[in-house]
C-alpha atoms as a PDB file:
ATOM      1  CA  MET A   1      -5.414  61.709 -37.485  1.00  0.00           C
ATOM      2  CA  LYS A   2      -3.859  60.063 -40.547  1.00  0.00           C
ATOM      3  CA  ILE A   3      -5.013  56.641 -41.779  1.00  0.00           C
ATOM      4  CA  LEU A   4      -2.825  54.834 -44.242  1.00  0.00           C
ATOM      5  CA  ILE A   5      -4.142  52.003 -46.448  1.00  0.00           C
ATOM      6  CA  ALA A   6      -1.339  49.967 -47.897  1.00  0.00           C
ATOM      7  CA  LEU A   7      -2.704  46.739 -49.318  1.00  0.00           C
ATOM      8  CA  HIS A   8      -1.243  45.146 -52.461  1.00  0.00           C
ATOM      9  CA  HIS A   9      -1.519  41.501 -53.702  1.00  0.00           C
ATOM     10  CA  ASP A  10      -1.164  39.628 -56.972  1.00  0.00           C
ATOM     11  CA  PHE A  11      -4.683  38.239 -56.333  1.00  0.00           C
ATOM     12  CA  VAL A  12      -7.072  41.006 -57.256  1.00  0.00           C
ATOM     13  CA  LEU A  13      -9.587  40.388 -54.519  1.00  0.00           C
ATOM     14  CA  TRP A  14      -7.068  40.947 -51.766  1.00  0.00           C
ATOM     15  CA  ASN A  15      -6.628  44.540 -52.888  1.00  0.00           C
ATOM     16  CA  ALA A  16      -8.799  47.088 -51.301  1.00  0.00           C
ATOM     17  CA  PRO A  17     -11.317  48.558 -53.758  1.00  0.00           C
ATOM     18  CA  GLU A  18     -11.198  52.304 -54.230  1.00  0.00           C
ATOM     19  CA  TRP A  19     -14.737  52.632 -52.884  1.00  0.00           C
ATOM     20  CA  LEU A  20     -13.409  51.563 -49.503  1.00  0.00           C
ATOM     21  CA  ALA A  21     -11.223  54.555 -49.178  1.00  0.00           C
ATOM     22  CA  GLU A  22     -13.756  56.912 -50.675  1.00  0.00           C
ATOM     23  CA  ARG A  23     -16.447  55.704 -48.214  1.00  0.00           C
ATOM     24  CA  LEU A  24     -14.057  56.069 -45.238  1.00  0.00           C
ATOM     25  CA  ARG A  25     -13.183  59.627 -46.310  1.00  0.00           C
ATOM     26  CA  LYS A  26     -16.955  60.418 -46.499  1.00  0.00           C
ATOM     27  CA  ASP A  27     -17.655  58.875 -43.126  1.00  0.00           C
ATOM     28  CA  PHE A  28     -14.611  60.332 -41.357  1.00  0.00           C
ATOM     29  CA  PRO A  29     -14.108  63.666 -43.193  1.00  0.00           C
ATOM     30  CA  GLU A  30     -12.154  65.252 -40.350  1.00  0.00           C
ATOM     31  CA  HIS A  31      -9.301  62.786 -40.732  1.00  0.00           C
ATOM     32  CA  GLN A  32      -6.710  62.363 -43.469  1.00  0.00           C
ATOM     33  CA  LEU A  33      -6.786  59.068 -45.401  1.00  0.00           C
ATOM     34  CA  VAL A  34      -4.056  57.988 -47.759  1.00  0.00           C
ATOM     35  CA  HIS A  35      -4.715  55.017 -50.048  1.00  0.00           C
ATOM     36  CA  LEU A  36      -1.529  53.593 -51.698  1.00  0.00           C
ATOM     37  CA  PRO A  37      -1.952  51.372 -54.805  1.00  0.00           C
ATOM     38  CA  GLY A  38       1.198  49.452 -53.926  1.00  0.00           C
ATOM     39  CA  TYR A  39       4.029  49.335 -51.364  1.00  0.00           C
ATOM     40  CA  GLU A  40       5.986  52.111 -52.926  1.00  0.00           C
ATOM     41  CA  GLY A  41       6.045  55.028 -50.593  1.00  0.00           C
ATOM     42  CA  VAL A  42       4.983  53.224 -47.328  1.00  0.00           C
ATOM     43  CA  ALA A  43       8.084  54.255 -45.454  1.00  0.00           C
ATOM     44  CA  GLU A  44       7.321  57.929 -46.262  1.00  0.00           C
ATOM     45  CA  GLU A  45       3.575  57.901 -45.641  1.00  0.00           C
ATOM     46  CA  ILE A  46       3.722  55.716 -42.429  1.00  0.00           C
ATOM     47  CA  ALA A  47       6.058  58.317 -40.846  1.00  0.00           C
ATOM     48  CA  ASP A  48       3.159  60.416 -39.598  1.00  0.00           C
ATOM     49  CA  ALA A  49       0.276  57.931 -39.831  1.00  0.00           C
ATOM     50  CA  GLU A  50      -1.587  57.053 -36.632  1.00  0.00           C
ATOM     51  CA  VAL A  51      -3.501  54.014 -38.097  1.00  0.00           C
ATOM     52  CA  ALA A  52      -2.256  51.629 -40.769  1.00  0.00           C
ATOM     53  CA  ILE A  53      -4.366  49.106 -42.682  1.00  0.00           C
ATOM     54  CA  ALA A  54      -1.942  46.590 -44.083  1.00  0.00           C
ATOM     55  CA  TRP A  55      -1.237  42.916 -44.688  1.00  0.00           C
ATOM     56  CA  SER A  56       2.302  43.454 -43.425  1.00  0.00           C
ATOM     57  CA  ILE A  57       4.744  46.124 -42.386  1.00  0.00           C
ATOM     58  CA  ARG A  58       8.400  45.547 -42.711  1.00  0.00           C
ATOM     59  CA  PRO A  59      10.756  46.286 -39.718  1.00  0.00           C
ATOM     60  CA  LYS A  60      12.515  48.995 -41.817  1.00  0.00           C
ATOM     61  CA  GLN A  61       9.187  50.700 -42.570  1.00  0.00           C
ATOM     62  CA  PHE A  62       8.042  50.369 -38.882  1.00  0.00           C
ATOM     63  CA  ALA A  63      11.289  52.156 -37.788  1.00  0.00           C
ATOM     64  CA  HIS A  64       9.899  55.331 -39.765  1.00  0.00           C
ATOM     65  CA  ALA A  65       6.523  55.160 -37.947  1.00  0.00           C
ATOM     66  CA  ARG A  66       6.758  57.911 -35.271  1.00  0.00           C
ATOM     67  CA  LYS A  67       3.106  58.286 -34.528  1.00  0.00           C
ATOM     68  CA  LEU A  68       1.680  54.792 -35.263  1.00  0.00           C
ATOM     69  CA  LYS A  69      -0.661  53.523 -32.661  1.00  0.00           C
ATOM     70  CA  TRP A  70      -2.829  50.912 -34.401  1.00  0.00           C
ATOM     71  CA  VAL A  71      -2.373  48.436 -37.205  1.00  0.00           C
ATOM     72  CA  HIS A  72      -5.293  46.554 -38.739  1.00  0.00           C
ATOM     73  CA  SER A  73      -4.714  43.520 -40.923  1.00  0.00           C
ATOM     74  CA  PRO A  74      -7.523  42.418 -43.262  1.00  0.00           C
ATOM     75  CA  ALA A  75      -6.184  38.871 -42.748  1.00  0.00           C
ATOM     76  CA  ALA A  76      -6.910  36.365 -39.984  1.00  0.00           C
ATOM     77  CA  ALA A  77      -3.282  35.282 -39.675  1.00  0.00           C
ATOM     78  CA  VAL A  78      -0.844  38.072 -38.480  1.00  0.00           C
ATOM     79  CA  HIS A  79       2.434  36.192 -38.224  1.00  0.00           C
ATOM     80  CA  GLN A  80       3.925  38.487 -40.888  1.00  0.00           C
ATOM     81  CA  LEU A  81       3.403  41.458 -38.432  1.00  0.00           C
ATOM     82  CA  MET A  82       4.765  39.733 -35.503  1.00  0.00           C
ATOM     83  CA  PHE A  83       8.450  40.831 -35.745  1.00  0.00           C
ATOM     84  CA  PRO A  84      10.272  41.666 -32.464  1.00  0.00           C
ATOM     85  CA  GLN A  85       9.924  45.390 -32.800  1.00  0.00           C
ATOM     86  CA  MET A  86       6.178  45.367 -33.339  1.00  0.00           C
ATOM     87  CA  VAL A  87       5.663  42.808 -30.541  1.00  0.00           C
ATOM     88  CA  ALA A  88       7.650  44.906 -28.053  1.00  0.00           C
ATOM     89  CA  SER A  89       5.945  48.160 -29.011  1.00  0.00           C
ATOM     90  CA  ASP A  90       2.664  49.794 -27.717  1.00  0.00           C
ATOM     91  CA  VAL A  91       1.164  49.594 -31.079  1.00  0.00           C
ATOM     92  CA  LEU A  92      -2.232  47.864 -31.090  1.00  0.00           C
ATOM     93  CA  VAL A  93      -2.836  45.122 -33.661  1.00  0.00           C
ATOM     94  CA  THR A  94      -6.209  43.940 -34.843  1.00  0.00           C
ATOM     95  CA  ASN A  95      -7.220  41.341 -37.466  1.00  0.00           C
ATOM     96  CA  ALA A  96     -10.112  40.150 -39.533  1.00  0.00           C
ATOM     97  CA  ARG A  97     -10.684  36.687 -37.985  1.00  0.00           C
ATOM     98  CA  GLU A  98     -14.432  37.200 -37.625  1.00  0.00           C
ATOM     99  CA  ILE A  99     -14.750  38.251 -41.122  1.00  0.00           C
ATOM    100  CA  HIS A 100     -13.158  35.105 -42.640  1.00  0.00           C
ATOM    101  CA  GLY A 101     -14.502  32.639 -40.084  1.00  0.00           C
ATOM    102  CA  PRO A 102     -17.984  31.745 -41.466  1.00  0.00           C
ATOM    103  CA  VAL A 103     -16.872  31.485 -45.208  1.00  0.00           C
ATOM    104  CA  VAL A 104     -13.724  29.496 -44.431  1.00  0.00           C
ATOM    105  CA  ALA A 105     -15.804  27.162 -42.205  1.00  0.00           C
ATOM    106  CA  GLU A 106     -18.191  26.648 -45.198  1.00  0.00           C
ATOM    107  CA  HIS A 107     -15.146  25.746 -47.288  1.00  0.00           C
ATOM    108  CA  ALA A 108     -13.811  23.207 -44.812  1.00  0.00           C
ATOM    109  CA  LEU A 109     -17.209  21.522 -44.970  1.00  0.00           C
ATOM    110  CA  ALA A 110     -17.166  21.623 -48.811  1.00  0.00           C
ATOM    111  CA  LEU A 111     -13.885  19.747 -48.853  1.00  0.00           C
ATOM    112  CA  ILE A 112     -15.183  17.221 -46.362  1.00  0.00           C
ATOM    113  CA  PHE A 113     -18.378  16.682 -48.428  1.00  0.00           C
ATOM    114  CA  ALA A 114     -16.321  16.330 -51.647  1.00  0.00           C
ATOM    115  CA  LEU A 115     -13.941  13.752 -50.191  1.00  0.00           C
ATOM    116  CA  ALA A 116     -16.582  11.821 -48.261  1.00  0.00           C
ATOM    117  CA  LYS A 117     -18.785  11.565 -51.372  1.00  0.00           C
ATOM    118  CA  ARG A 118     -15.811  10.810 -53.685  1.00  0.00           C
ATOM    119  CA  LEU A 119     -16.535  13.806 -55.943  1.00  0.00           C
ATOM    120  CA  PRO A 120     -12.981  14.045 -57.250  1.00  0.00           C
ATOM    121  CA  SER A 121     -13.316  10.526 -58.523  1.00  0.00           C
ATOM    122  CA  ALA A 122     -16.713  11.369 -60.110  1.00  0.00           C
ATOM    123  CA  MET A 123     -15.115  14.352 -61.844  1.00  0.00           C
ATOM    124  CA  ARG A 124     -12.255  12.220 -63.296  1.00  0.00           C
ATOM    125  CA  LEU A 125     -14.767   9.634 -64.501  1.00  0.00           C
ATOM    126  CA  GLN A 126     -16.917  12.399 -66.046  1.00  0.00           C
ATOM    127  CA  GLN A 127     -14.041  13.770 -68.028  1.00  0.00           C
ATOM    128  CA  ALA A 128     -13.388  10.232 -69.277  1.00  0.00           C
ATOM    129  CA  ARG A 129     -17.070   9.876 -70.155  1.00  0.00           C
ATOM    130  CA  VAL A 130     -17.241   6.702 -67.851  1.00  0.00           C
ATOM    131  CA  TRP A 131     -20.371   5.732 -65.925  1.00  0.00           C
ATOM    132  CA  GLY A 132     -18.336   4.905 -62.745  1.00  0.00           C
ATOM    133  CA  GLN A 133     -21.081   3.807 -60.226  1.00  0.00           C
ATOM    134  CA  GLN A 134     -19.408   0.527 -59.545  1.00  0.00           C
ATOM    135  CA  ALA A 135     -15.842   1.954 -59.624  1.00  0.00           C
ATOM    136  CA  ILE A 136     -16.663   4.565 -57.134  1.00  0.00           C
ATOM    137  CA  TRP A 137     -18.339   2.108 -54.731  1.00  0.00           C
ATOM    138  CA  GLU A 138     -15.316  -0.153 -54.865  1.00  0.00           C
ATOM    139  CA  GLU A 139     -12.799   2.597 -53.949  1.00  0.00           C
ATOM    140  CA  LYS A 140     -11.432   2.653 -50.476  1.00  0.00           C
ATOM    141  CA  PRO A 141     -12.520   4.267 -48.337  1.00  0.00           C
ATOM    142  CA  THR A 142     -15.925   4.133 -49.955  1.00  0.00           C
ATOM    143  CA  THR A 143     -18.456   6.909 -49.880  1.00  0.00           C
ATOM    144  CA  ARG A 144     -19.741   7.696 -46.365  1.00  0.00           C
ATOM    145  CA  GLU A 145     -22.331   9.654 -44.544  1.00  0.00           C
ATOM    146  CA  LEU A 146     -21.224  12.662 -42.454  1.00  0.00           C
ATOM    147  CA  ALA A 147     -23.792  12.121 -39.727  1.00  0.00           C
ATOM    148  CA  ASP A 148     -22.312  10.264 -36.726  1.00  0.00           C
ATOM    149  CA  SER A 149     -18.721  10.809 -37.932  1.00  0.00           C
ATOM    150  CA  THR A 150     -16.145  12.293 -35.661  1.00  0.00           C
ATOM    151  CA  VAL A 151     -14.100  15.377 -36.442  1.00  0.00           C
ATOM    152  CA  CYS A 152     -10.904  16.313 -34.710  1.00  0.00           C
ATOM    153  CA  LEU A 153     -10.859  20.102 -34.810  1.00  0.00           C
ATOM    154  CA  ILE A 154      -7.597  21.663 -34.094  1.00  0.00           C
ATOM    155  CA  GLY A 155      -8.089  25.345 -33.126  1.00  0.00           C
ATOM    156  CA  MET A 156     -11.098  27.010 -31.785  1.00  0.00           C
ATOM    157  CA  GLY A 157     -11.010  30.597 -33.036  1.00  0.00           C
ATOM    158  CA  SER A 158     -13.579  32.068 -35.349  1.00  0.00           C
ATOM    159  CA  ILE A 159     -13.129  29.345 -38.044  1.00  0.00           C
ATOM    160  CA  GLY A 160     -13.280  26.729 -35.458  1.00  0.00           C
ATOM    161  CA  ARG A 161     -16.406  28.068 -33.839  1.00  0.00           C
ATOM    162  CA  GLU A 162     -18.222  28.645 -37.082  1.00  0.00           C
ATOM    163  CA  PHE A 163     -17.197  25.079 -38.313  1.00  0.00           C
ATOM    164  CA  THR A 164     -18.464  23.543 -35.098  1.00  0.00           C
ATOM    165  CA  LYS A 165     -21.975  25.049 -35.450  1.00  0.00           C
ATOM    166  CA  ARG A 166     -22.293  23.754 -39.053  1.00  0.00           C
ATOM    167  CA  ALA A 167     -20.790  20.335 -38.406  1.00  0.00           C
ATOM    168  CA  ARG A 168     -23.002  19.601 -35.443  1.00  0.00           C
ATOM    169  CA  ALA A 169     -26.067  20.666 -37.420  1.00  0.00           C
ATOM    170  CA  LEU A 170     -25.130  17.861 -39.799  1.00  0.00           C
ATOM    171  CA  GLY A 171     -24.933  15.388 -37.051  1.00  0.00           C
ATOM    172  CA  MET A 172     -21.147  15.247 -36.805  1.00  0.00           C
ATOM    173  CA  ARG A 173     -19.419  14.784 -33.465  1.00  0.00           C
ATOM    174  CA  VAL A 174     -16.721  17.489 -32.881  1.00  0.00           C
ATOM    175  CA  VAL A 175     -13.807  16.910 -30.596  1.00  0.00           C
ATOM    176  CA  ALA A 176     -12.043  20.224 -30.323  1.00  0.00           C
ATOM    177  CA  VAL A 177      -8.271  20.493 -29.430  1.00  0.00           C
ATOM    178  CA  ARG A 178      -7.178  23.855 -28.212  1.00  0.00           C
ATOM    179  CA  GLU A 179      -4.179  25.390 -26.480  1.00  0.00           C
ATOM    180  CA  HIS A 180      -6.383  26.503 -23.483  1.00  0.00           C
ATOM    181  CA  PRO A 181      -9.206  24.003 -23.005  1.00  0.00           C
ATOM    182  CA  GLU A 182     -10.217  25.878 -19.895  1.00  0.00           C
ATOM    183  CA  LYS A 183     -11.814  28.475 -22.230  1.00  0.00           C
ATOM    184  CA  GLY A 184     -14.618  25.907 -22.973  1.00  0.00           C
ATOM    185  CA  SER A 185     -15.924  23.845 -25.789  1.00  0.00           C
ATOM    186  CA  ASP A 186     -17.583  26.636 -27.703  1.00  0.00           C
ATOM    187  CA  GLY A 187     -20.301  24.176 -28.763  1.00  0.00           C
ATOM    188  CA  ALA A 188     -18.101  21.155 -29.519  1.00  0.00           C
ATOM    189  CA  ASP A 189     -19.009  17.852 -28.105  1.00  0.00           C
ATOM    190  CA  SER A 190     -15.840  17.733 -26.082  1.00  0.00           C
ATOM    191  CA  VAL A 191     -12.634  19.752 -25.714  1.00  0.00           C
ATOM    192  CA  LEU A 192      -9.080  18.470 -25.162  1.00  0.00           C
ATOM    193  CA  SER A 193      -5.726  20.167 -24.689  1.00  0.00           C
ATOM    194  CA  THR A 194      -2.913  19.814 -27.209  1.00  0.00           C
ATOM    195  CA  ASP A 195      -1.344  17.280 -24.823  1.00  0.00           C
ATOM    196  CA  ASP A 196      -4.253  14.983 -25.910  1.00  0.00           C
ATOM    197  CA  LEU A 197      -3.837  15.646 -29.655  1.00  0.00           C
ATOM    198  CA  GLU A 198      -2.656  12.110 -30.533  1.00  0.00           C
ATOM    199  CA  PHE A 199      -5.736  10.624 -28.739  1.00  0.00           C
ATOM    200  CA  ALA A 200      -8.048  12.982 -30.529  1.00  0.00           C
ATOM    201  CA  LEU A 201      -6.495  12.167 -33.895  1.00  0.00           C
ATOM    202  CA  SER A 202      -6.970   8.405 -33.349  1.00  0.00           C
ATOM    203  CA  GLN A 203     -10.751   8.930 -32.836  1.00  0.00           C
ATOM    204  CA  ALA A 204     -11.628  10.940 -35.993  1.00  0.00           C
ATOM    205  CA  GLU A 205     -12.721  10.310 -39.522  1.00  0.00           C
ATOM    206  CA  PHE A 206     -11.831  13.826 -40.394  1.00  0.00           C
ATOM    207  CA  VAL A 207      -9.185  16.137 -39.016  1.00  0.00           C
ATOM    208  CA  VAL A 208      -9.583  19.844 -39.597  1.00  0.00           C
ATOM    209  CA  LEU A 209      -6.792  22.330 -39.082  1.00  0.00           C
ATOM    210  CA  ALA A 210      -8.061  25.736 -38.055  1.00  0.00           C
ATOM    211  CA  ALA A 211      -5.218  26.885 -35.696  1.00  0.00           C
ATOM    212  CA  PRO A 212      -3.179  30.018 -36.157  1.00  0.00           C
ATOM    213  CA  LEU A 213       0.480  29.712 -37.304  1.00  0.00           C
ATOM    214  CA  THR A 214       2.792  30.135 -34.190  1.00  0.00           C
ATOM    215  CA  PRO A 215       6.032  28.457 -33.244  1.00  0.00           C
ATOM    216  CA  ALA A 216       4.007  25.953 -31.312  1.00  0.00           C
ATOM    217  CA  THR A 217       1.689  24.937 -34.166  1.00  0.00           C
ATOM    218  CA  ARG A 218       4.321  24.842 -37.009  1.00  0.00           C
ATOM    219  CA  HIS A 219       4.321  21.238 -38.352  1.00  0.00           C
ATOM    220  CA  ILE A 220       1.725  20.272 -35.711  1.00  0.00           C
ATOM    221  CA  ILE A 221       0.865  17.597 -38.236  1.00  0.00           C
ATOM    222  CA  ASN A 222       3.985  15.478 -38.607  1.00  0.00           C
ATOM    223  CA  ALA A 223       4.953  11.918 -39.356  1.00  0.00           C
ATOM    224  CA  GLU A 224       4.232  10.737 -35.777  1.00  0.00           C
ATOM    225  CA  ARG A 225       0.838  12.464 -35.693  1.00  0.00           C
ATOM    226  CA  LEU A 226      -0.187  11.091 -39.084  1.00  0.00           C
ATOM    227  CA  ARG A 227       0.566   7.680 -37.809  1.00  0.00           C
ATOM    228  CA  GLN A 228      -2.044   8.252 -35.039  1.00  0.00           C
ATOM    229  CA  MET A 229      -4.795   8.872 -37.664  1.00  0.00           C
ATOM    230  CA  LYS A 230      -7.152   6.242 -38.839  1.00  0.00           C
ATOM    231  CA  LYS A 231      -6.384   4.664 -42.296  1.00  0.00           C
ATOM    232  CA  GLU A 232      -9.804   5.913 -43.460  1.00  0.00           C
ATOM    233  CA  ALA A 233      -9.447   9.466 -42.102  1.00  0.00           C
ATOM    234  CA  TYR A 234      -9.095  12.611 -44.154  1.00  0.00           C
ATOM    235  CA  LEU A 235      -6.905  15.614 -43.311  1.00  0.00           C
ATOM    236  CA  ILE A 236      -8.393  19.107 -44.063  1.00  0.00           C
ATOM    237  CA  ASN A 237      -6.260  22.327 -43.900  1.00  0.00           C
ATOM    238  CA  VAL A 238      -7.940  25.683 -44.253  1.00  0.00           C
ATOM    239  CA  SER A 239      -5.628  27.544 -41.969  1.00  0.00           C
ATOM    240  CA  ARG A 240      -1.909  27.925 -42.766  1.00  0.00           C
ATOM    241  CA  GLY A 241       0.233  25.623 -44.914  1.00  0.00           C
ATOM    242  CA  PRO A 242       3.223  25.406 -42.423  1.00  0.00           C
ATOM    243  CA  LEU A 243       0.908  23.589 -39.915  1.00  0.00           C
ATOM    244  CA  ILE A 244       1.818  20.523 -42.003  1.00  0.00           C
ATOM    245  CA  ASP A 245       5.030  18.834 -42.545  1.00  0.00           C
ATOM    246  CA  ASP A 246       4.700  18.335 -46.324  1.00  0.00           C
ATOM    247  CA  ALA A 247       7.290  15.657 -46.621  1.00  0.00           C
ATOM    248  CA  ALA A 248       5.566  13.630 -43.955  1.00  0.00           C
ATOM    249  CA  LEU A 249       2.137  14.070 -45.438  1.00  0.00           C
ATOM    250  CA  ILE A 250       3.146  13.279 -49.025  1.00  0.00           C
ATOM    251  CA  THR A 251       4.714  10.118 -47.809  1.00  0.00           C
ATOM    252  CA  ALA A 252       1.598   9.189 -45.877  1.00  0.00           C
ATOM    253  CA  LEU A 253      -0.650   9.920 -48.844  1.00  0.00           C
ATOM    254  CA  LYS A 254       1.579   7.945 -51.318  1.00  0.00           C
ATOM    255  CA  GLN A 255       1.506   4.942 -48.902  1.00  0.00           C
ATOM    256  CA  ASN A 256      -2.214   5.270 -48.344  1.00  0.00           C
ATOM    257  CA  GLN A 257      -1.602   5.667 -44.588  1.00  0.00           C
ATOM    258  CA  ILE A 258      -4.538   7.996 -44.450  1.00  0.00           C
ATOM    259  CA  ALA A 259      -7.509   8.145 -46.848  1.00  0.00           C
ATOM    260  CA  GLY A 260      -6.577  11.536 -48.375  1.00  0.00           C
ATOM    261  CA  ALA A 261      -6.369  15.261 -47.840  1.00  0.00           C
ATOM    262  CA  GLY A 262      -8.249  18.408 -48.769  1.00  0.00           C
ATOM    263  CA  LEU A 263      -5.717  21.359 -48.827  1.00  0.00           C
ATOM    264  CA  ASP A 264      -6.459  25.015 -49.344  1.00  0.00           C
ATOM    265  CA  VAL A 265      -3.183  26.322 -48.078  1.00  0.00           C
ATOM    266  CA  PHE A 266       0.418  25.539 -48.516  1.00  0.00           C
ATOM    267  CA  GLU A 267       3.776  26.502 -47.092  1.00  0.00           C
ATOM    268  CA  HIS A 268       4.835  27.765 -50.539  1.00  0.00           C
ATOM    269  CA  GLU A 269       2.227  29.587 -52.640  1.00  0.00           C
ATOM    270  CA  PRO A 270       1.345  29.452 -55.476  1.00  0.00           C
ATOM    271  CA  LEU A 271       1.934  25.803 -55.116  1.00  0.00           C
ATOM    272  CA  PRO A 272       4.918  24.937 -57.380  1.00  0.00           C
ATOM    273  CA  ALA A 273       4.177  23.003 -60.588  1.00  0.00           C
ATOM    274  CA  ASP A 274       6.580  20.226 -59.624  1.00  0.00           C
ATOM    275  CA  SER A 275       5.001  19.683 -56.146  1.00  0.00           C
ATOM    276  CA  PRO A 276       4.085  15.995 -55.627  1.00  0.00           C
ATOM    277  CA  TYR A 277       0.685  17.065 -54.283  1.00  0.00           C
ATOM    278  CA  TRP A 278      -0.508  17.775 -57.885  1.00  0.00           C
ATOM    279  CA  ARG A 279      -0.004  14.091 -58.847  1.00  0.00           C
ATOM    280  CA  LEU A 280      -1.729  12.412 -55.897  1.00  0.00           C
ATOM    281  CA  GLU A 281      -5.225  11.309 -56.614  1.00  0.00           C
ATOM    282  CA  ASN A 282      -6.186  11.182 -52.897  1.00  0.00           C
ATOM    283  CA  VAL A 283      -5.619  14.985 -52.604  1.00  0.00           C
ATOM    284  CA  LEU A 284      -8.122  17.701 -53.296  1.00  0.00           C
ATOM    285  CA  ILE A 285      -6.425  21.054 -53.882  1.00  0.00           C
ATOM    286  CA  THR A 286      -8.165  24.318 -53.783  1.00  0.00           C
ATOM    287  CA  PRO A 287      -5.880  27.497 -54.500  1.00  0.00           C
ATOM    288  CA  HIS A 288      -6.231  29.412 -51.191  1.00  0.00           C
ATOM    289  CA  THR A 289      -9.830  30.209 -52.080  1.00  0.00           C
ATOM    290  CA  ALA A 290     -11.479  29.394 -48.713  1.00  0.00           C
ATOM    291  CA  ALA A 291     -11.942  32.993 -47.770  1.00  0.00           C
ATOM    292  CA  VAL A 292     -13.061  34.085 -51.275  1.00  0.00           C
ATOM    293  CA  THR A 293     -16.464  35.609 -51.235  1.00  0.00           C
ATOM    294  CA  GLU A 294     -18.263  38.510 -53.107  1.00  0.00           C
ATOM    295  CA  LYS A 295     -19.221  39.831 -49.658  1.00  0.00           C
ATOM    296  CA  LEU A 296     -15.608  40.159 -48.512  1.00  0.00           C
ATOM    297  CA  TRP A 297     -14.901  43.869 -48.707  1.00  0.00           C
ATOM    298  CA  ALA A 298     -18.370  44.865 -47.598  1.00  0.00           C
ATOM    299  CA  ARG A 299     -17.711  42.840 -44.381  1.00  0.00           C
ATOM    300  CA  HIS A 300     -14.318  44.391 -44.104  1.00  0.00           C
ATOM    301  CA  TYR A 301     -15.663  47.843 -44.285  1.00  0.00           C
ATOM    302  CA  GLU A 302     -18.206  47.230 -41.516  1.00  0.00           C
ATOM    303  CA  GLN A 303     -15.442  46.104 -39.188  1.00  0.00           C
ATOM    304  CA  ILE A 304     -12.943  48.715 -40.168  1.00  0.00           C
ATOM    305  CA  SER A 305     -15.405  51.616 -39.830  1.00  0.00           C
ATOM    306  CA  GLU A 306     -16.710  50.339 -36.527  1.00  0.00           C
ATOM    307  CA  ASN A 307     -13.140  49.996 -35.217  1.00  0.00           C
ATOM    308  CA  ILE A 308     -12.341  53.480 -36.228  1.00  0.00           C
ATOM    309  CA  ARG A 309     -15.313  54.711 -34.397  1.00  0.00           C
ATOM    310  CA  ARG A 310     -14.382  52.702 -31.380  1.00  0.00           C
ATOM    311  CA  TYR A 311     -10.698  53.996 -31.655  1.00  0.00           C
ATOM    312  CA  LEU A 312     -11.801  57.592 -31.819  1.00  0.00           C
ATOM    313  CA  ALA A 313     -14.127  57.098 -28.806  1.00  0.00           C
ATOM    314  CA  GLY A 314     -11.292  55.577 -26.755  1.00  0.00           C
ATOM    315  CA  GLU A 315     -13.073  52.129 -26.670  1.00  0.00           C
ATOM    316  CA  PRO A 316     -11.324  48.831 -27.328  1.00  0.00           C
ATOM    317  CA  PRO A 317     -11.608  47.756 -31.034  1.00  0.00           C
ATOM    318  CA  LEU A 318     -12.911  44.431 -32.207  1.00  0.00           C
ATOM    319  CA  SER A 319     -10.632  41.482 -32.782  1.00  0.00           C
ATOM    320  CA  ILE A 320      -7.559  42.657 -30.844  1.00  0.00           C
ATOM    321  CA  VAL A 321      -4.478  40.406 -31.411  1.00  0.00           C
ATOM    322  CA  ASP A 322      -2.450  39.163 -28.456  1.00  0.00           C
ATOM    323  CA  LYS A 323       1.049  40.011 -29.741  1.00  0.00           C
ATOM    324  CA  GLN A 324       2.743  37.695 -27.281  1.00  0.00           C
ATOM    325  CA  LYS A 325       0.729  34.672 -28.471  1.00  0.00           C
ATOM    326  CA  GLY A 326       0.718  35.860 -32.209  1.00  0.00           C
ATOM    327  CA  TYR A 327      -3.005  35.568 -32.771  1.00  0.00           C
END
């Protein structure tokens, strides 16, 4: 069996370290493993590969894949793999949603803490050497406790489940909104369908986006839904940028229609220097670092190696993607 690793990204952490390929070769010596440093040569190498580990595969490259049976993405989101030919094929797709869930959930809570405790204001005052106790207290909304606050959590995958455990441990009330509420609450205080999203938004001090990007979730936060949110509510996005209609959110933030936003992801990344988001003081921006951790590739290795063992044994691998749903 031939395994192809084709991962390349401008951000160094997203590139598979050489030790990953070396360790896989040691653990599975009877199989061929090819680790490409970039995307050059993918079409040639994928031709006889049975397994591919890649962020994305282009349709033209996929057309060369005569033996491909399984694609694993080290990302949680796999929309870049969901082109018609892949979806219609018998190729199995898995992702790393369980790898990223815990650390992204922590980041969502970090954004909530920072906004609730007015830490961006404190940092600005610190840089100006101003003792801003009174100034911070007079800001609206003022600093708040997380206990007894309500979170509208949109999406109940790995990030959502991990966030719920942590938020409830802090005494927060979690109202989960998911496509299939019949799947259960997964620890949330209550679970609603997307048909009840406007009601859930109106109840929350914090709205957390943890849903996959699909045609149904693109711009799930738009002008109408922003109007349903409380004036003192914060919007947190640690999932995918296109879940938000940027023009609508920027307008809402400029008009103080909501309290603010903590955004880790954007429709266009890197976020352009002329984006209005940079100039809004009620926005906390992190540069798509929610999944960044020194333990990342160790966790990836555990999942990848376990899934190869399962694949070779004819057992279902972990984290199979439903290609019809796109997640």
